[in-house]
Amino acid sequence: MPQRNIVEAINNALAEEMESDPRVMLLGLDVGKLGGVFRTTSGLVERFGTDRVVDTPLAEASIIGASLGLALAGMVPVAEIQFLGFTAQGFHQLGPQLGKYRQRSRGRYHCQVTVRAPFGGGIRSPEFHSDAIEAQFVQSPGIKIVMPSNSYDAKGLLIEAIRDPDPVLYCEPDRLYRAGRSEVPDGPYTVPFGKAAVVREGQDVTLVAWSAAVELCLRAAEALAAEGDADGGGLLRPGRARGASRRLRRSVSGRLAGGLLPAVYGPRARRGSPHDAELTFRARPRSPLPWPRPRGRRDRRRRGPRRRGPSICRR
């Protein structure tokens, strides 16, 4: 079985779906000739042509709005937004328009649209590029949020998203794009939405995570197991974690306030579990912009002296 990273798994899924269904098409900034900013669509324009792999301007509202119109006309568009933080420019098209079109047309139309967007920090990206704002779209009715954590799930979930009759926001962890490889079979397969998966068994503690945080928790569990301090803990990748929420002791998430933690902890709180006192949350700092760490004096000395450019004003 071939080994693929997440970039290659996404590219393979797109190619297979475009091959099997002539309605599937791609659109977004630099998805054609450049192959995407992370090369996830590399080689597809040469294979399928510019009618099905469309380079668009840097206009997120237009990309998502055009996808809505294409879906109503019978196409199956897969739109790429270069970074999830850029969706602020197209939020109205994605939430109030795309997500609610089935309801506003009283079931007459459905919007088979997949919106792909990388997100997250850890790659020293600036400004909006690191934003993890998936919780904003969780609050939007009619949109399914998908966040893979490994290569196998990346391909299976993307194919499931493309085939889903309703809009799907497919969030790709850019920190894991080329972090490792795993077995990804050739040929189409799907990973169903809404099902939790136990990635690692344990007895002392249960970690709940999704997307790039799954890899982080696995490394933490392996480090503890190597030290002999614990059995490594169990790791749960949440979907609709109905039965699994009884085992919840620790939860690892993106943001503590306004994040996805209520979706995981809410059912447990309503049941009034006797282990509530043992539940704790871990979340990232409430920083507006996750900039790279400031460089110290050693880094400045290592880079050498600053070079002065030519003077703008000359006498």
C-alpha atoms as a PDB file:
ATOM      1  CA  MET A   1       0.000   0.000   0.000  1.00  0.00           C
ATOM      2  CA  PRO A   2       1.449   3.415  -0.936  1.00  0.00           C
ATOM      3  CA  GLN A   3       2.630   5.840   1.731  1.00  0.00           C
ATOM      4  CA  ARG A   4       1.304   9.401   1.415  1.00  0.00           C
ATOM      5  CA  ASN A   5       1.415  12.603   3.403  1.00  0.00           C
ATOM      6  CA  ILE A   6      -1.677  14.777   3.788  1.00  0.00           C
ATOM      7  CA  VAL A   7      -0.880  16.927   0.732  1.00  0.00           C
ATOM      8  CA  GLU A   8      -0.544  13.857  -1.469  1.00  0.00           C
ATOM      9  CA  ALA A   9      -3.666  12.267   0.017  1.00  0.00           C
ATOM     10  CA  ILE A  10      -5.742  15.386  -0.740  1.00  0.00           C
ATOM     11  CA  ASN A  11      -4.348  15.587  -4.268  1.00  0.00           C
ATOM     12  CA  ASN A  12      -5.112  11.902  -4.833  1.00  0.00           C
ATOM     13  CA  ALA A  13      -8.689  12.301  -3.561  1.00  0.00           C
ATOM     14  CA  LEU A  14      -9.351  15.291  -5.825  1.00  0.00           C
ATOM     15  CA  ALA A  15      -7.917  13.519  -8.876  1.00  0.00           C
ATOM     16  CA  GLU A  16      -9.974  10.357  -8.301  1.00  0.00           C
ATOM     17  CA  GLU A  17     -13.228  12.263  -7.767  1.00  0.00           C
ATOM     18  CA  MET A  18     -12.659  14.424 -10.847  1.00  0.00           C
ATOM     19  CA  GLU A  19     -11.925  11.281 -12.846  1.00  0.00           C
ATOM     20  CA  SER A  20     -15.064   9.468 -11.704  1.00  0.00           C
ATOM     21  CA  ASP A  21     -17.489  12.427 -11.768  1.00  0.00           C
ATOM     22  CA  PRO A  22     -17.260  14.979 -14.617  1.00  0.00           C
ATOM     23  CA  ARG A  23     -19.309  17.469 -12.578  1.00  0.00           C
ATOM     24  CA  VAL A  24     -16.524  17.889  -9.995  1.00  0.00           C
ATOM     25  CA  MET A  25     -14.422  21.003 -10.582  1.00  0.00           C
ATOM     26  CA  LEU A  26     -11.919  23.099  -8.632  1.00  0.00           C
ATOM     27  CA  LEU A  27     -11.751  26.862  -8.239  1.00  0.00           C
ATOM     28  CA  GLY A  28      -9.684  29.197  -6.137  1.00  0.00           C
ATOM     29  CA  LEU A  29      -6.641  31.430  -6.089  1.00  0.00           C
ATOM     30  CA  ASP A  30      -3.589  29.754  -7.702  1.00  0.00           C
ATOM     31  CA  VAL A  31      -5.172  26.282  -7.795  1.00  0.00           C
ATOM     32  CA  GLY A  32      -4.355  25.899 -11.495  1.00  0.00           C
ATOM     33  CA  LYS A  33      -0.909  26.667 -12.886  1.00  0.00           C
ATOM     34  CA  LEU A  34       0.749  27.081  -9.479  1.00  0.00           C
ATOM     35  CA  GLY A  35      -0.949  24.002  -8.018  1.00  0.00           C
ATOM     36  CA  GLY A  36      -2.113  25.775  -4.869  1.00  0.00           C
ATOM     37  CA  VAL A  37      -0.064  27.644  -2.296  1.00  0.00           C
ATOM     38  CA  PHE A  38       0.817  24.294  -0.641  1.00  0.00           C
ATOM     39  CA  ARG A  39       0.743  22.340  -3.963  1.00  0.00           C
ATOM     40  CA  THR A  40      -2.327  20.322  -3.014  1.00  0.00           C
ATOM     41  CA  THR A  41      -3.747  20.722  -6.539  1.00  0.00           C
ATOM     42  CA  SER A  42      -0.449  20.230  -8.364  1.00  0.00           C
ATOM     43  CA  GLY A  43      -0.789  18.622 -11.788  1.00  0.00           C
ATOM     44  CA  LEU A  44      -4.585  18.722 -11.926  1.00  0.00           C
ATOM     45  CA  VAL A  45      -4.911  21.561 -14.440  1.00  0.00           C
ATOM     46  CA  GLU A  46      -2.657  19.687 -16.882  1.00  0.00           C
ATOM     47  CA  ARG A  47      -4.762  16.573 -16.426  1.00  0.00           C
ATOM     48  CA  PHE A  48      -8.281  18.023 -16.488  1.00  0.00           C
ATOM     49  CA  GLY A  49      -7.892  21.378 -18.224  1.00  0.00           C
ATOM     50  CA  THR A  50      -8.707  24.971 -17.349  1.00  0.00           C
ATOM     51  CA  ASP A  51     -12.470  24.439 -17.649  1.00  0.00           C
ATOM     52  CA  ARG A  52     -12.446  22.224 -14.555  1.00  0.00           C
ATOM     53  CA  VAL A  53      -9.509  23.751 -12.644  1.00  0.00           C
ATOM     54  CA  VAL A  54     -10.192  27.485 -12.543  1.00  0.00           C
ATOM     55  CA  ASP A  55      -7.796  30.124 -11.249  1.00  0.00           C
ATOM     56  CA  THR A  56      -9.744  32.946  -9.616  1.00  0.00           C
ATOM     57  CA  PRO A  57      -8.835  36.414  -8.326  1.00  0.00           C
ATOM     58  CA  LEU A  58      -8.128  36.967  -4.644  1.00  0.00           C
ATOM     59  CA  ALA A  59     -11.808  37.433  -3.806  1.00  0.00           C
ATOM     60  CA  GLU A  60     -13.162  34.986  -1.245  1.00  0.00           C
ATOM     61  CA  ALA A  61     -16.782  36.170  -1.450  1.00  0.00           C
ATOM     62  CA  SER A  62     -16.729  35.704  -5.212  1.00  0.00           C
ATOM     63  CA  ILE A  63     -15.144  32.238  -4.945  1.00  0.00           C
ATOM     64  CA  ILE A  64     -17.802  30.979  -2.529  1.00  0.00           C
ATOM     65  CA  GLY A  65     -20.636  32.829  -4.270  1.00  0.00           C
ATOM     66  CA  ALA A  66     -19.608  31.355  -7.631  1.00  0.00           C
ATOM     67  CA  SER A  67     -19.544  27.907  -6.021  1.00  0.00           C
ATOM     68  CA  LEU A  68     -23.129  28.422  -4.878  1.00  0.00           C
ATOM     69  CA  GLY A  69     -24.223  29.304  -8.410  1.00  0.00           C
ATOM     70  CA  LEU A  70     -22.312  26.368  -9.912  1.00  0.00           C
ATOM     71  CA  ALA A  71     -23.945  23.958  -7.460  1.00  0.00           C
ATOM     72  CA  LEU A  72     -27.424  25.253  -8.310  1.00  0.00           C
ATOM     73  CA  ALA A  73     -26.575  24.697 -11.991  1.00  0.00           C
ATOM     74  CA  GLY A  74     -25.704  21.044 -11.360  1.00  0.00           C
ATOM     75  CA  MET A  75     -21.928  21.158 -10.887  1.00  0.00           C
ATOM     76  CA  VAL A  76     -20.013  19.865  -7.851  1.00  0.00           C
ATOM     77  CA  PRO A  77     -17.506  22.641  -7.039  1.00  0.00           C
ATOM     78  CA  VAL A  78     -14.581  22.245  -4.666  1.00  0.00           C
ATOM     79  CA  ALA A  79     -13.496  25.759  -3.700  1.00  0.00           C
ATOM     80  CA  GLU A  80     -10.147  26.520  -2.125  1.00  0.00           C
ATOM     81  CA  ILE A  81      -9.640  29.451   0.234  1.00  0.00           C
ATOM     82  CA  GLN A  82      -5.912  29.921   0.715  1.00  0.00           C
ATOM     83  CA  PHE A  83      -6.228  30.181   4.513  1.00  0.00           C
ATOM     84  CA  LEU A  84      -9.193  29.790   6.836  1.00  0.00           C
ATOM     85  CA  GLY A  85      -8.574  33.296   8.194  1.00  0.00           C
ATOM     86  CA  PHE A  86      -9.411  34.705   4.756  1.00  0.00           C
ATOM     87  CA  THR A  87     -12.996  33.434   4.997  1.00  0.00           C
ATOM     88  CA  ALA A  88     -13.978  36.610   6.853  1.00  0.00           C
ATOM     89  CA  GLN A  89     -14.319  38.220   3.430  1.00  0.00           C
ATOM     90  CA  GLY A  90     -16.733  35.480   2.352  1.00  0.00           C
ATOM     91  CA  PHE A  91     -18.510  34.714   5.618  1.00  0.00           C
ATOM     92  CA  HIS A  92     -21.886  35.937   4.377  1.00  0.00           C
ATOM     93  CA  GLN A  93     -21.680  33.746   1.286  1.00  0.00           C
ATOM     94  CA  LEU A  94     -20.569  30.708   3.292  1.00  0.00           C
ATOM     95  CA  GLY A  95     -22.872  30.934   6.298  1.00  0.00           C
ATOM     96  CA  PRO A  96     -26.118  32.826   5.599  1.00  0.00           C
ATOM     97  CA  GLN A  97     -26.172  31.993   1.864  1.00  0.00           C
ATOM     98  CA  LEU A  98     -24.579  28.616   1.175  1.00  0.00           C
ATOM     99  CA  GLY A  99     -25.496  26.988   4.477  1.00  0.00           C
ATOM    100  CA  LYS A 100     -29.147  28.070   4.419  1.00  0.00           C
ATOM    101  CA  TYR A 101     -30.047  27.650   0.769  1.00  0.00           C
ATOM    102  CA  ARG A 102     -31.745  24.281   1.234  1.00  0.00           C
ATOM    103  CA  GLN A 103     -33.926  25.769   3.971  1.00  0.00           C
ATOM    104  CA  ARG A 104     -34.709  29.037   2.181  1.00  0.00           C
ATOM    105  CA  SER A 105     -35.727  27.129  -0.977  1.00  0.00           C
ATOM    106  CA  ARG A 106     -37.846  24.767   1.184  1.00  0.00           C
ATOM    107  CA  GLY A 107     -35.835  21.761   0.065  1.00  0.00           C
ATOM    108  CA  ARG A 108     -36.049  22.484  -3.647  1.00  0.00           C
ATOM    109  CA  TYR A 109     -32.298  23.071  -4.005  1.00  0.00           C
ATOM    110  CA  HIS A 110     -29.308  21.608  -2.264  1.00  0.00           C
ATOM    111  CA  CYS A 111     -25.766  22.938  -2.480  1.00  0.00           C
ATOM    112  CA  GLN A 112     -23.183  20.224  -3.036  1.00  0.00           C
ATOM    113  CA  VAL A 113     -20.173  22.426  -2.315  1.00  0.00           C
ATOM    114  CA  THR A 114     -16.911  21.653  -0.537  1.00  0.00           C
ATOM    115  CA  VAL A 115     -14.805  24.571   0.707  1.00  0.00           C
ATOM    116  CA  ARG A 116     -11.203  23.656   1.494  1.00  0.00           C
ATOM    117  CA  ALA A 117      -9.053  25.879   3.720  1.00  0.00           C
ATOM    118  CA  PRO A 118      -5.756  25.277   5.562  1.00  0.00           C
ATOM    119  CA  PHE A 119      -5.541  26.680   9.068  1.00  0.00           C
ATOM    120  CA  GLY A 120      -3.571  26.706  12.312  1.00  0.00           C
ATOM    121  CA  GLY A 121      -0.224  27.856  13.643  1.00  0.00           C
ATOM    122  CA  GLY A 122       3.127  26.189  14.039  1.00  0.00           C
ATOM    123  CA  ILE A 123       4.529  27.181  10.632  1.00  0.00           C
ATOM    124  CA  ARG A 124       5.497  30.800  11.431  1.00  0.00           C
ATOM    125  CA  SER A 125       2.756  32.239   9.291  1.00  0.00           C
ATOM    126  CA  PRO A 126       1.659  35.835   9.935  1.00  0.00           C
ATOM    127  CA  GLU A 127      -1.587  37.681  10.478  1.00  0.00           C
ATOM    128  CA  PHE A 128      -4.715  35.868   9.272  1.00  0.00           C
ATOM    129  CA  HIS A 129      -2.840  32.798   8.038  1.00  0.00           C
ATOM    130  CA  SER A 130      -2.731  31.142  11.492  1.00  0.00           C
ATOM    131  CA  ASP A 131      -6.344  31.779  12.492  1.00  0.00           C
ATOM    132  CA  ALA A 132      -8.259  28.752  13.747  1.00  0.00           C
ATOM    133  CA  ILE A 133     -11.818  30.107  13.565  1.00  0.00           C
ATOM    134  CA  GLU A 134     -13.682  26.874  12.902  1.00  0.00           C
ATOM    135  CA  ALA A 135     -15.888  27.526  15.935  1.00  0.00           C
ATOM    136  CA  GLN A 136     -17.464  30.486  14.119  1.00  0.00           C
ATOM    137  CA  PHE A 137     -18.764  28.158  11.432  1.00  0.00           C
ATOM    138  CA  VAL A 138     -19.913  25.541  13.918  1.00  0.00           C
ATOM    139  CA  GLN A 139     -22.490  28.149  14.933  1.00  0.00           C
ATOM    140  CA  SER A 140     -23.763  28.396  11.330  1.00  0.00           C
ATOM    141  CA  PRO A 141     -26.665  26.007  10.609  1.00  0.00           C
ATOM    142  CA  GLY A 142     -26.455  23.911   7.465  1.00  0.00           C
ATOM    143  CA  ILE A 143     -22.651  23.606   7.250  1.00  0.00           C
ATOM    144  CA  LYS A 144     -20.683  20.505   8.196  1.00  0.00           C
ATOM    145  CA  ILE A 145     -17.172  21.072   9.569  1.00  0.00           C
ATOM    146  CA  VAL A 146     -14.512  18.457   8.777  1.00  0.00           C
ATOM    147  CA  MET A 147     -11.011  18.519  10.299  1.00  0.00           C
ATOM    148  CA  PRO A 148      -8.756  15.542   9.452  1.00  0.00           C
ATOM    149  CA  SER A 149      -5.731  14.609  11.533  1.00  0.00           C
ATOM    150  CA  ASN A 150      -3.871  12.098   9.330  1.00  0.00           C
ATOM    151  CA  SER A 151      -3.389  11.114   5.704  1.00  0.00           C
ATOM    152  CA  TYR A 152      -5.868   8.228   5.666  1.00  0.00           C
ATOM    153  CA  ASP A 153      -8.659  10.360   7.115  1.00  0.00           C
ATOM    154  CA  ALA A 154      -7.713  13.301   4.891  1.00  0.00           C
ATOM    155  CA  LYS A 155      -8.500  11.348   1.731  1.00  0.00           C
ATOM    156  CA  GLY A 156     -11.550   9.493   3.042  1.00  0.00           C
ATOM    157  CA  LEU A 157     -13.137  12.566   4.611  1.00  0.00           C
ATOM    158  CA  LEU A 158     -12.518  14.709   1.521  1.00  0.00           C
ATOM    159  CA  ILE A 159     -14.227  12.168  -0.746  1.00  0.00           C
ATOM    160  CA  GLU A 160     -17.113  11.966   1.721  1.00  0.00           C
ATOM    161  CA  ALA A 161     -17.312  15.779   1.725  1.00  0.00           C
ATOM    162  CA  ILE A 162     -17.367  16.044  -2.077  1.00  0.00           C
ATOM    163  CA  ARG A 163     -20.135  13.452  -2.320  1.00  0.00           C
ATOM    164  CA  ASP A 164     -22.214  14.973   0.476  1.00  0.00           C
ATOM    165  CA  PRO A 165     -25.289  16.781  -0.917  1.00  0.00           C
ATOM    166  CA  ASP A 166     -24.883  19.674   1.532  1.00  0.00           C
ATOM    167  CA  PRO A 167     -22.048  22.197   1.982  1.00  0.00           C
ATOM    168  CA  VAL A 168     -18.944  21.089   3.858  1.00  0.00           C
ATOM    169  CA  LEU A 169     -16.108  23.226   5.234  1.00  0.00           C
ATOM    170  CA  TYR A 170     -12.988  21.057   5.025  1.00  0.00           C
ATOM    171  CA  CYS A 171     -10.276  22.460   7.328  1.00  0.00           C
ATOM    172  CA  GLU A 172      -6.759  21.215   6.622  1.00  0.00           C
ATOM    173  CA  PRO A 173      -4.054  21.355   9.354  1.00  0.00           C
ATOM    174  CA  ASP A 174      -1.174  22.992   7.500  1.00  0.00           C
ATOM    175  CA  ARG A 175       1.302  22.050  10.255  1.00  0.00           C
ATOM    176  CA  LEU A 176       0.748  18.376   9.414  1.00  0.00           C
ATOM    177  CA  TYR A 177       0.769  18.726   5.615  1.00  0.00           C
ATOM    178  CA  ARG A 178       4.185  17.085   5.279  1.00  0.00           C
ATOM    179  CA  ALA A 179       4.838  16.100   8.898  1.00  0.00           C
ATOM    180  CA  GLY A 180       4.645  12.364   8.213  1.00  0.00           C
ATOM    181  CA  ARG A 181       3.389   9.596   5.986  1.00  0.00           C
ATOM    182  CA  SER A 182       0.926   6.785   6.502  1.00  0.00           C
ATOM    183  CA  GLU A 183      -0.712   4.096   4.408  1.00  0.00           C
ATOM    184  CA  VAL A 184      -3.330   5.513   2.054  1.00  0.00           C
ATOM    185  CA  PRO A 185      -4.823   3.047  -0.438  1.00  0.00           C
ATOM    186  CA  ASP A 186      -5.385   3.782  -4.100  1.00  0.00           C
ATOM    187  CA  GLY A 187      -8.971   3.969  -5.215  1.00  0.00           C
ATOM    188  CA  PRO A 188     -11.913   5.776  -3.639  1.00  0.00           C
ATOM    189  CA  TYR A 189     -13.052   5.145  -0.082  1.00  0.00           C
ATOM    190  CA  THR A 190     -14.929   7.255   2.442  1.00  0.00           C
ATOM    191  CA  VAL A 191     -14.628   7.974   6.151  1.00  0.00           C
ATOM    192  CA  PRO A 192     -18.119   8.693   7.532  1.00  0.00           C
ATOM    193  CA  PHE A 193     -18.859  11.937   9.339  1.00  0.00           C
ATOM    194  CA  GLY A 194     -19.894  12.141  12.973  1.00  0.00           C
ATOM    195  CA  LYS A 195     -18.168   9.067  14.419  1.00  0.00           C
ATOM    196  CA  ALA A 196     -15.569   9.202  17.167  1.00  0.00           C
ATOM    197  CA  ALA A 197     -12.422   7.094  16.949  1.00  0.00           C
ATOM    198  CA  VAL A 198     -10.216   5.834  19.766  1.00  0.00           C
ATOM    199  CA  VAL A 199      -6.687   6.341  18.459  1.00  0.00           C
ATOM    200  CA  ARG A 200      -4.860   4.968  21.501  1.00  0.00           C
ATOM    201  CA  GLU A 201      -6.137   2.934  24.437  1.00  0.00           C
ATOM    202  CA  GLY A 202      -5.369   3.922  28.031  1.00  0.00           C
ATOM    203  CA  GLN A 203      -6.624   3.776  31.618  1.00  0.00           C
ATOM    204  CA  ASP A 204      -5.340   6.783  33.545  1.00  0.00           C
ATOM    205  CA  VAL A 205      -6.538   9.720  31.499  1.00  0.00           C
ATOM    206  CA  THR A 206      -8.575  10.425  28.351  1.00  0.00           C
ATOM    207  CA  LEU A 207      -7.582  13.168  25.944  1.00  0.00           C
ATOM    208  CA  VAL A 208     -10.118  14.508  23.467  1.00  0.00           C
ATOM    209  CA  ALA A 209      -8.676  16.264  20.430  1.00  0.00           C
ATOM    210  CA  TRP A 210      -9.211  16.914  16.751  1.00  0.00           C
ATOM    211  CA  SER A 211      -7.124  17.886  13.734  1.00  0.00           C
ATOM    212  CA  ALA A 212      -3.493  18.793  14.494  1.00  0.00           C
ATOM    213  CA  ALA A 213      -4.065  18.437  18.256  1.00  0.00           C
ATOM    214  CA  VAL A 214      -4.436  14.660  17.790  1.00  0.00           C
ATOM    215  CA  GLU A 215      -0.795  14.393  16.718  1.00  0.00           C
ATOM    216  CA  LEU A 216       0.251  16.578  19.655  1.00  0.00           C
ATOM    217  CA  CYS A 217      -1.622  14.384  22.139  1.00  0.00           C
ATOM    218  CA  LEU A 218      -0.135  11.227  20.643  1.00  0.00           C
ATOM    219  CA  ARG A 219       3.365  12.613  21.168  1.00  0.00           C
ATOM    220  CA  ALA A 220       2.503  13.521  24.762  1.00  0.00           C
ATOM    221  CA  ALA A 221       1.116  10.031  25.436  1.00  0.00           C
ATOM    222  CA  GLU A 222       4.189   8.379  23.941  1.00  0.00           C
ATOM    223  CA  ALA A 223       6.481  10.585  26.043  1.00  0.00           C
ATOM    224  CA  LEU A 224       4.632   9.635  29.233  1.00  0.00           C
ATOM    225  CA  ALA A 225       4.700   5.965  28.320  1.00  0.00           C
ATOM    226  CA  ALA A 226       8.447   6.143  27.684  1.00  0.00           C
ATOM    227  CA  GLU A 227       9.036   7.744  31.098  1.00  0.00           C
ATOM    228  CA  GLY A 228       6.932   5.097  32.821  1.00  0.00           C
ATOM    229  CA  ASP A 229       4.831   7.681  34.684  1.00  0.00           C
ATOM    230  CA  ALA A 230       1.558   6.572  33.154  1.00  0.00           C
ATOM    231  CA  ASP A 231       0.119   4.148  30.660  1.00  0.00           C
ATOM    232  CA  GLY A 232       0.139   6.895  28.045  1.00  0.00           C
ATOM    233  CA  GLY A 233      -3.529   7.736  28.326  1.00  0.00           C
ATOM    234  CA  GLY A 234      -6.349   7.129  25.925  1.00  0.00           C
ATOM    235  CA  LEU A 235      -6.886   9.413  22.966  1.00  0.00           C
ATOM    236  CA  LEU A 236     -10.326  10.048  21.513  1.00  0.00           C
ATOM    237  CA  ARG A 237     -10.826  11.776  18.183  1.00  0.00           C
ATOM    238  CA  PRO A 238     -14.330  13.228  18.521  1.00  0.00           C
ATOM    239  CA  GLY A 239     -17.162  13.110  16.105  1.00  0.00           C
ATOM    240  CA  ARG A 240     -20.497  12.796  17.828  1.00  0.00           C
ATOM    241  CA  ALA A 241     -18.910  11.204  20.883  1.00  0.00           C
ATOM    242  CA  ARG A 242     -22.062   9.903  22.551  1.00  0.00           C
ATOM    243  CA  GLY A 243     -20.922   6.801  24.358  1.00  0.00           C
ATOM    244  CA  ALA A 244     -17.314   7.864  24.604  1.00  0.00           C
ATOM    245  CA  SER A 245     -18.054  11.056  26.547  1.00  0.00           C
ATOM    246  CA  ARG A 246     -18.550   8.964  29.691  1.00  0.00           C
ATOM    247  CA  ARG A 247     -14.811   8.319  29.762  1.00  0.00           C
ATOM    248  CA  LEU A 248     -13.842  11.984  29.486  1.00  0.00           C
ATOM    249  CA  ARG A 249     -11.306  13.132  32.077  1.00  0.00           C
ATOM    250  CA  ARG A 250      -9.217  15.737  30.244  1.00  0.00           C
ATOM    251  CA  SER A 251     -10.038  17.684  27.116  1.00  0.00           C
ATOM    252  CA  VAL A 252      -7.630  19.318  24.699  1.00  0.00           C
ATOM    253  CA  SER A 253      -9.093  21.929  22.390  1.00  0.00           C
ATOM    254  CA  GLY A 254      -8.356  25.082  20.441  1.00  0.00           C
ATOM    255  CA  ARG A 255      -9.940  27.920  22.423  1.00  0.00           C
ATOM    256  CA  LEU A 256     -11.498  27.719  25.858  1.00  0.00           C
ATOM    257  CA  ALA A 257     -14.029  30.532  25.357  1.00  0.00           C
ATOM    258  CA  GLY A 258     -16.318  30.252  22.367  1.00  0.00           C
ATOM    259  CA  GLY A 259     -14.616  27.121  21.051  1.00  0.00           C
ATOM    260  CA  LEU A 260     -15.822  23.587  20.447  1.00  0.00           C
ATOM    261  CA  LEU A 261     -15.560  22.465  24.075  1.00  0.00           C
ATOM    262  CA  PRO A 262     -19.296  22.971  24.768  1.00  0.00           C
ATOM    263  CA  ALA A 263     -20.085  20.412  22.057  1.00  0.00           C
ATOM    264  CA  VAL A 264     -17.929  17.834  23.846  1.00  0.00           C
ATOM    265  CA  TYR A 265     -18.719  18.721  27.449  1.00  0.00           C
ATOM    266  CA  GLY A 266     -22.373  19.788  27.025  1.00  0.00           C
ATOM    267  CA  PRO A 267     -23.997  16.313  26.937  1.00  0.00           C
ATOM    268  CA  ARG A 268     -21.959  15.259  29.959  1.00  0.00           C
ATOM    269  CA  ALA A 269     -22.948  18.369  31.920  1.00  0.00           C
ATOM    270  CA  ARG A 270     -26.632  17.790  31.174  1.00  0.00           C
ATOM    271  CA  ARG A 271     -26.407  14.225  32.466  1.00  0.00           C
ATOM    272  CA  GLY A 272     -24.695  15.367  35.669  1.00  0.00           C
ATOM    273  CA  SER A 273     -21.797  12.891  35.721  1.00  0.00           C
ATOM    274  CA  PRO A 274     -20.304  12.101  39.163  1.00  0.00           C
ATOM    275  CA  HIS A 275     -16.802  12.618  37.727  1.00  0.00           C
ATOM    276  CA  ASP A 276     -17.293  16.269  36.804  1.00  0.00           C
ATOM    277  CA  ALA A 277     -14.727  17.354  39.388  1.00  0.00           C
ATOM    278  CA  GLU A 278     -12.049  15.437  37.464  1.00  0.00           C
ATOM    279  CA  LEU A 279     -12.699  17.239  34.193  1.00  0.00           C
ATOM    280  CA  THR A 280     -10.158  19.892  33.195  1.00  0.00           C
ATOM    281  CA  PHE A 281      -9.560  21.818  29.990  1.00  0.00           C
ATOM    282  CA  ARG A 282      -6.379  22.701  28.176  1.00  0.00           C
ATOM    283  CA  ALA A 283      -6.541  25.489  25.609  1.00  0.00           C
ATOM    284  CA  ARG A 284      -4.206  27.775  23.716  1.00  0.00           C
ATOM    285  CA  PRO A 285      -3.532  31.331  24.964  1.00  0.00           C
ATOM    286  CA  ARG A 286      -6.093  34.007  24.161  1.00  0.00           C
ATOM    287  CA  SER A 287      -3.792  35.859  21.818  1.00  0.00           C
ATOM    288  CA  PRO A 288      -5.339  37.702  18.873  1.00  0.00           C
ATOM    289  CA  LEU A 289      -2.432  36.976  16.538  1.00  0.00           C
ATOM    290  CA  PRO A 290      -0.218  33.901  17.078  1.00  0.00           C
ATOM    291  CA  TRP A 291       2.946  35.523  15.772  1.00  0.00           C
ATOM    292  CA  PRO A 292       6.272  33.648  15.740  1.00  0.00           C
ATOM    293  CA  ARG A 293       8.387  33.893  18.847  1.00  0.00           C
ATOM    294  CA  PRO A 294      10.513  37.049  18.962  1.00  0.00           C
ATOM    295  CA  ARG A 295      14.118  36.458  18.088  1.00  0.00           C
ATOM    296  CA  GLY A 296      16.689  37.005  20.793  1.00  0.00           C
ATOM    297  CA  ARG A 297      20.138  38.538  20.624  1.00  0.00           C
ATOM    298  CA  ARG A 298      21.750  35.235  19.689  1.00  0.00           C
ATOM    299  CA  ASP A 299      19.522  34.920  16.638  1.00  0.00           C
ATOM    300  CA  ARG A 300      20.374  38.467  15.566  1.00  0.00           C
ATOM    301  CA  ARG A 301      24.092  37.813  15.900  1.00  0.00           C
ATOM    302  CA  ARG A 302      23.714  34.558  13.986  1.00  0.00           C
ATOM    303  CA  ARG A 303      22.044  36.351  11.091  1.00  0.00           C
ATOM    304  CA  GLY A 304      24.906  38.824  10.885  1.00  0.00           C
ATOM    305  CA  PRO A 305      24.843  42.606  10.702  1.00  0.00           C
ATOM    306  CA  ARG A 306      21.975  44.350   9.048  1.00  0.00           C
ATOM    307  CA  ARG A 307      22.562  45.562   5.541  1.00  0.00           C
ATOM    308  CA  ARG A 308      21.534  49.096   4.824  1.00  0.00           C
ATOM    309  CA  GLY A 309      19.667  49.517   1.556  1.00  0.00           C
ATOM    310  CA  PRO A 310      20.161  52.362  -0.861  1.00  0.00           C
ATOM    311  CA  SER A 311      19.078  55.719   0.426  1.00  0.00           C
ATOM    312  CA  ILE A 312      15.788  56.983  -0.949  1.00  0.00           C
ATOM    313  CA  CYS A 313      16.721  60.647  -0.631  1.00  0.00           C
ATOM    314  CA  ARG A 314      19.892  61.649  -2.346  1.00  0.00           C
ATOM    315  CA  ARG A 315      21.423  65.091  -2.386  1.00  0.00           C
END
